[in-house]
Amino acid sequence: MGNLGATEIILIIVAILILFGGKKIPELMRGVGQGMREFQNAKNNVRSEIEKGMQEKPQDKSTDAK
């Protein structure tokens, strides 16, 4: 997790508990999970479109120039 130590992680968790309360955290994490899943799906779609475009044969442009 980068340069975060155990103390920093504990302070972040305590701050989240204070800001959101124990009842809101599962809802918050669910939203974060859905956002990450949507981002992953979008990334995979872009990757597959790029790979599909690279596999297509380029059209011969010399016949179009007439």
C-alpha atoms as a PDB file:
ATOM      1  CA  MET A   1       0.000   0.000   0.000  1.00  0.00           C
ATOM      2  CA  GLY A   2       2.780   2.409  -0.759  1.00  0.00           C
ATOM      3  CA  ASN A   3       4.453   4.086   2.175  1.00  0.00           C
ATOM      4  CA  LEU A   4       1.586   3.639   4.642  1.00  0.00           C
ATOM      5  CA  GLY A   5       2.593   2.043   7.904  1.00  0.00           C
ATOM      6  CA  ALA A   6       0.406   0.278  10.439  1.00  0.00           C
ATOM      7  CA  THR A   7      -0.118   3.475  12.456  1.00  0.00           C
ATOM      8  CA  GLU A   8      -1.354   5.417   9.434  1.00  0.00           C
ATOM      9  CA  ILE A   9      -3.741   2.631   8.435  1.00  0.00           C
ATOM     10  CA  ILE A  10      -5.176   2.470  11.951  1.00  0.00           C
ATOM     11  CA  LEU A  11      -5.656   6.255  11.989  1.00  0.00           C
ATOM     12  CA  ILE A  12      -7.452   6.115   8.623  1.00  0.00           C
ATOM     13  CA  ILE A  13      -9.769   3.347   9.856  1.00  0.00           C
ATOM     14  CA  VAL A  14     -10.552   5.281  13.053  1.00  0.00           C
ATOM     15  CA  ALA A  15     -11.262   8.440  11.039  1.00  0.00           C
ATOM     16  CA  ILE A  16     -13.636   6.507   8.751  1.00  0.00           C
ATOM     17  CA  LEU A  17     -15.422   5.037  11.773  1.00  0.00           C
ATOM     18  CA  ILE A  18     -15.832   8.493  13.306  1.00  0.00           C
ATOM     19  CA  LEU A  19     -17.003  10.132  10.055  1.00  0.00           C
ATOM     20  CA  PHE A  20     -19.399   7.472   8.810  1.00  0.00           C
ATOM     21  CA  GLY A  21     -20.319   5.383  11.845  1.00  0.00           C
ATOM     22  CA  GLY A  22     -20.480   1.613  12.025  1.00  0.00           C
ATOM     23  CA  LYS A  23     -23.824   1.305  10.228  1.00  0.00           C
ATOM     24  CA  LYS A  24     -22.828   3.258   7.109  1.00  0.00           C
ATOM     25  CA  ILE A  25     -19.511   1.486   6.442  1.00  0.00           C
ATOM     26  CA  PRO A  26     -20.983  -1.651   4.759  1.00  0.00           C
ATOM     27  CA  GLU A  27     -23.043   0.579   2.461  1.00  0.00           C
ATOM     28  CA  LEU A  28     -19.974   2.690   1.698  1.00  0.00           C
ATOM     29  CA  MET A  29     -17.834  -0.366   0.946  1.00  0.00           C
ATOM     30  CA  ARG A  30     -20.582  -1.802  -1.277  1.00  0.00           C
ATOM     31  CA  GLY A  31     -20.558   1.412  -3.296  1.00  0.00           C
ATOM     32  CA  VAL A  32     -16.774   1.349  -3.559  1.00  0.00           C
ATOM     33  CA  GLY A  33     -16.899  -2.280  -4.715  1.00  0.00           C
ATOM     34  CA  GLN A  34     -19.488  -1.506  -7.375  1.00  0.00           C
ATOM     35  CA  GLY A  35     -17.432   1.437  -8.609  1.00  0.00           C
ATOM     36  CA  MET A  36     -14.303  -0.691  -8.838  1.00  0.00           C
ATOM     37  CA  ARG A  37     -16.228  -3.415 -10.673  1.00  0.00           C
ATOM     38  CA  GLU A  38     -17.622  -0.922 -13.200  1.00  0.00           C
ATOM     39  CA  PHE A  39     -14.153   0.537 -13.761  1.00  0.00           C
ATOM     40  CA  GLN A  40     -12.717  -2.955 -14.294  1.00  0.00           C
ATOM     41  CA  ASN A  41     -15.460  -3.789 -16.811  1.00  0.00           C
ATOM     42  CA  ALA A  42     -14.884  -0.539 -18.718  1.00  0.00           C
ATOM     43  CA  LYS A  43     -11.132  -1.179 -18.772  1.00  0.00           C
ATOM     44  CA  ASN A  44     -11.665  -4.708 -20.103  1.00  0.00           C
ATOM     45  CA  ASN A  45     -14.043  -3.428 -22.801  1.00  0.00           C
ATOM     46  CA  VAL A  46     -11.507  -0.850 -23.979  1.00  0.00           C
ATOM     47  CA  ARG A  47      -8.752  -3.465 -24.002  1.00  0.00           C
ATOM     48  CA  SER A  48     -10.840  -5.913 -26.041  1.00  0.00           C
ATOM     49  CA  GLU A  49     -11.810  -3.185 -28.546  1.00  0.00           C
ATOM     50  CA  ILE A  50      -8.156  -2.226 -29.008  1.00  0.00           C
ATOM     51  CA  GLU A  51      -7.115  -5.862 -29.453  1.00  0.00           C
ATOM     52  CA  LYS A  52      -9.952  -6.438 -31.922  1.00  0.00           C
ATOM     53  CA  GLY A  53      -8.898  -3.353 -33.888  1.00  0.00           C
ATOM     54  CA  MET A  54      -5.295  -4.533 -34.019  1.00  0.00           C
ATOM     55  CA  GLN A  55      -6.330  -7.935 -35.389  1.00  0.00           C
ATOM     56  CA  GLU A  56      -8.328  -6.494 -38.289  1.00  0.00           C
ATOM     57  CA  LYS A  57      -6.515  -6.290 -41.588  1.00  0.00           C
ATOM     58  CA  PRO A  58      -5.893  -2.754 -42.840  1.00  0.00           C
ATOM     59  CA  GLN A  59      -7.779  -1.872 -46.016  1.00  0.00           C
ATOM     60  CA  ASP A  60      -5.861  -1.282 -49.216  1.00  0.00           C
ATOM     61  CA  LYS A  61      -6.039   2.506 -49.692  1.00  0.00           C
ATOM     62  CA  SER A  62      -4.397   2.564 -53.133  1.00  0.00           C
ATOM     63  CA  THR A  63      -7.689   1.628 -54.845  1.00  0.00           C
ATOM     64  CA  ASP A  64      -9.617   4.354 -52.975  1.00  0.00           C
ATOM     65  CA  ALA A  65      -7.336   7.149 -54.231  1.00  0.00           C
ATOM     66  CA  LYS A  66      -8.512   6.936 -57.887  1.00  0.00           C
END
